[in-house]
Protein backbone atom coordinates (compact mmCIF):
# COMPACT_ATOMS: atom_id res chain seq x y z
CA MET A 1 -87.05 175.86 -23.11
CA GLN A 2 -84.54 175.82 -20.27
CA ILE A 3 -82.74 178.87 -21.65
CA ARG A 4 -86.04 180.75 -21.86
CA THR A 5 -86.97 179.73 -18.30
CA PHE A 6 -83.54 180.67 -16.93
CA THR A 7 -83.55 184.09 -18.63
CA LYS A 8 -87.29 184.75 -18.12
CA ASN A 9 -87.79 184.70 -21.93
CA TYR A 10 -85.06 187.27 -22.50
CA GLN A 11 -82.91 184.76 -24.44
CA SER A 12 -83.54 181.52 -26.31
CA LEU A 13 -81.86 178.80 -28.33
CA ASP A 14 -81.89 181.27 -31.25
CA ASP A 15 -79.47 183.49 -29.32
CA LEU A 16 -77.14 180.55 -28.75
CA MET A 17 -77.28 179.61 -32.45
CA ARG A 18 -76.52 183.21 -33.48
CA LEU A 19 -73.52 183.25 -31.13
CA LEU A 20 -72.36 179.92 -32.56
CA TRP A 21 -72.62 181.33 -36.09
CA LYS A 22 -70.85 184.55 -35.12
CA LYS A 23 -67.92 182.71 -33.52
CA HIS A 24 -67.61 179.69 -35.82
CA GLY A 25 -69.97 179.77 -38.80
CA ILE A 26 -68.68 182.81 -40.61
CA THR A 27 -65.06 181.69 -40.35
CA PHE A 28 -65.90 177.96 -40.73
CA GLU A 29 -63.62 177.40 -37.78
CA GLY A 30 -64.21 174.07 -36.06
CA LEU A 31 -65.75 173.82 -32.62
CA SER A 32 -63.64 172.22 -29.90
CA GLU A 33 -65.06 169.45 -27.73
CA ASP A 34 -65.89 171.95 -24.97
CA GLY A 35 -66.76 174.69 -27.45
CA LEU A 36 -70.52 174.49 -26.99
CA ASP A 37 -70.11 174.60 -23.21
CA ASP A 38 -67.99 177.74 -23.59
CA LEU A 39 -70.64 179.39 -25.76
CA VAL A 40 -73.46 178.45 -23.37
CA PHE A 41 -71.58 180.03 -20.46
CA GLU A 42 -70.59 183.07 -22.52
CA LEU A 43 -74.26 183.65 -23.34
CA LEU A 44 -75.84 182.71 -20.02
CA GLY A 45 -73.09 182.95 -17.43
CA ASN A 46 -71.94 180.39 -14.88
CA GLY A 47 -75.35 180.46 -13.15
CA PHE A 48 -76.60 178.14 -15.92
CA ASN A 49 -73.87 175.58 -15.14
CA LYS A 50 -76.00 173.24 -12.99
CA ILE A 51 -78.91 173.26 -15.46
CA TRP A 52 -76.58 172.70 -18.45
CA SER A 53 -74.71 169.87 -16.69
CA ASP A 54 -78.02 168.17 -15.89
CA ILE A 55 -79.26 168.53 -19.49
CA LYS A 56 -76.06 167.06 -20.87
CA ALA A 57 -75.95 164.16 -18.39
CA ARG A 58 -79.59 163.16 -18.77
CA TYR A 59 -80.60 164.01 -22.35
CA ILE A 60 -77.44 164.39 -24.46
CA PHE A 61 -75.08 161.76 -23.05
CA GLY A 62 -77.83 159.90 -21.17
CA VAL A 63 -80.87 158.07 -22.50
CA GLU A 64 -83.74 159.87 -20.77
CA ASP A 65 -86.54 161.40 -22.81
CA ILE A 66 -86.88 165.16 -22.50
CA PRO A 67 -89.79 165.74 -20.07
CA LEU A 68 -91.92 167.79 -22.44
CA GLN A 69 -95.03 167.57 -20.26
CA LYS A 70 -93.14 169.15 -17.39
CA TRP A 71 -91.20 171.73 -19.40
CA LEU A 72 -94.17 172.86 -21.51
CA ASN A 73 -96.66 173.15 -18.70
CA THR A 74 -97.96 176.51 -19.85
CA LYS A 75 -101.31 178.15 -20.37
CA LEU A 76 -100.91 178.04 -24.17
CA ILE A 77 -99.54 174.57 -25.00
CA SER A 78 -100.30 171.09 -23.78
CA VAL A 79 -98.33 167.92 -24.44
CA GLU A 80 -100.33 164.79 -25.12
CA GLU A 81 -99.31 161.25 -25.85
CA LYS A 82 -100.00 160.54 -29.51
CA SER A 83 -102.47 157.73 -30.14
CA GLN A 84 -101.17 155.24 -32.68
CA THR A 85 -102.91 152.95 -35.13
CA ALA A 86 -101.82 149.31 -35.16
CA LEU A 87 -99.93 149.97 -38.42
CA ALA A 88 -98.14 153.01 -36.95
CA LYS A 89 -97.13 150.96 -33.88
CA LEU A 90 -95.75 148.22 -36.11
CA LYS A 91 -93.73 150.77 -38.09
CA LEU A 92 -92.33 152.12 -34.82
CA ARG A 93 -91.40 148.58 -33.77
CA PHE A 94 -89.40 148.19 -36.97
CA GLY A 95 -87.58 151.41 -36.07
CA MET A 96 -86.33 152.31 -39.51
CA ARG A 97 -86.43 154.62 -42.47
CA HIS A 98 -86.26 153.23 -45.95
CA THR A 99 -86.14 154.10 -49.59
CA ASP A 100 -86.89 152.32 -52.85
CA ALA A 101 -83.82 150.84 -54.55
CA ASN A 102 -84.81 149.41 -57.94
CA GLY A 103 -87.81 147.58 -56.52
CA TRP A 104 -86.16 146.62 -53.23
CA LEU A 105 -86.90 148.08 -49.83
CA LYS A 106 -83.54 149.52 -48.79
CA VAL A 107 -83.06 150.30 -45.10
CA THR A 108 -81.39 153.70 -44.75
CA HIS A 109 -81.60 154.37 -40.98
CA VAL A 110 -82.31 152.15 -37.96
CA LEU A 111 -83.13 152.88 -34.34
CA ASP A 112 -81.39 150.99 -31.59
CA GLY A 113 -83.55 148.08 -30.45
CA GLY A 114 -85.89 148.10 -33.45
CA ILE A 115 -86.60 145.04 -35.58
CA ALA A 116 -84.70 146.56 -38.50
CA GLN A 117 -81.52 146.51 -36.44
CA ALA A 118 -81.57 142.70 -36.73
CA ALA A 119 -82.42 142.83 -40.44
CA GLY A 120 -80.16 143.80 -43.29
CA ASP A 121 -79.67 146.43 -45.92
CA LEU A 122 -82.39 145.11 -48.27
CA ILE A 123 -85.53 143.53 -46.84
CA VAL A 124 -86.78 140.88 -49.27
CA SER A 125 -89.80 139.36 -47.54
CA ILE A 126 -91.72 139.13 -44.31
CA ASP A 127 -93.55 135.84 -43.69
CA GLY A 128 -93.07 134.95 -47.33
CA GLN A 129 -94.62 138.19 -48.64
CA ARG A 130 -92.44 140.17 -51.04
CA VAL A 131 -91.58 143.56 -49.55
CA THR A 132 -91.23 146.71 -51.65
CA SER A 133 -91.68 150.35 -50.75
CA ALA A 134 -95.10 150.27 -52.42
CA ARG A 135 -96.19 147.12 -50.53
CA TRP A 136 -94.69 148.05 -47.13
CA ASP A 137 -97.95 149.16 -45.49
CA LYS A 138 -99.88 146.21 -46.93
CA VAL A 139 -97.36 143.65 -45.69
CA LEU A 140 -97.17 145.20 -42.22
CA GLY A 141 -100.96 145.48 -42.06
CA SER A 142 -101.28 141.73 -42.59
CA LEU A 143 -99.20 140.85 -39.52
CA ALA A 144 -100.77 139.83 -36.22
CA GLU A 145 -100.06 142.12 -33.25
CA ASN A 146 -97.97 139.72 -31.10
CA ALA A 147 -96.83 137.28 -33.80
CA HIS A 148 -93.44 135.79 -34.55
CA ILE A 149 -92.39 136.86 -38.01
CA HIS A 150 -89.87 135.49 -40.47
CA ILE A 151 -87.74 138.14 -42.23
CA THR A 152 -85.57 137.45 -45.27
CA PHE A 153 -83.00 140.10 -46.11
CA PHE A 154 -79.67 140.77 -47.79
CA ARG A 155 -76.61 142.11 -45.99
CA ASP A 156 -73.25 142.36 -47.75
CA ASP A 157 -74.74 140.56 -50.78
CA LEU A 158 -75.57 137.48 -48.70
CA GLU A 159 -79.12 136.31 -48.02
CA HIS A 160 -80.07 135.91 -44.35
CA GLU A 161 -83.18 134.93 -42.41
CA ARG A 162 -84.34 135.89 -38.92
CA MET A 163 -87.29 135.10 -36.71
CA VAL A 164 -88.47 138.08 -34.64
CA SER A 165 -91.18 138.31 -32.02
CA LEU A 166 -93.27 141.45 -32.35
CA GLN A 167 -94.36 141.32 -28.72
CA THR A 168 -90.83 141.78 -27.32
CA ILE A 169 -90.23 145.06 -29.14
CA ALA A 170 -91.37 148.10 -27.13
CA VAL A 171 -93.05 150.92 -29.02
CA PRO A 172 -91.42 154.30 -28.36
CA THR A 173 -93.80 156.85 -26.89
CA GLN A 174 -94.58 159.75 -29.19
CA TYR A 175 -96.09 163.07 -28.22
CA LYS A 176 -97.96 165.87 -29.90
CA LEU A 177 -98.08 169.52 -28.96
CA LYS A 178 -101.53 171.03 -28.89
CA SER A 179 -102.61 174.60 -28.49
CA LYS A 180 -104.91 174.91 -25.50
CA LYS A 181 -107.04 177.19 -27.69
CA GLU A 182 -107.84 174.09 -29.80
CA ALA A 183 -109.10 172.16 -26.78
């Protein structure tokens, strides 16, 4: 979005990706630590330096959310905060992805600060209820909004237990893009 704004829609991220492929993809040559910076400046010139430095500091190396509402303030697209059901909010609080592993709920990815970060590789039960991939929504749906929950899990083949308060875990904000023609 920033490339399009800077170049008045003459260039986009696609152009940067094509340049990256041309210089490094075809030859499978690695990219140096400053390699992306070099490509950005080759494509856009040094006039993009301040914008690129700000993007890197705030959104790549920093922890700020990309300000979609500000950047997409156009006549065609609006950015709206996504409304969440209680179950969806609870899933966000757990902050994880999972898969089925022979009847066990295996945690495959965790988000920093989510409940799953304190749990282990295999979640066995929550408040005494057996957890499987098939029962995940049912178990979460039975939990009270601001309750303290008891999680039993395995990590490194050892069984562990943790108490977690659902009220202390912030729910990440999610957004949806909507065509203004739909409105």
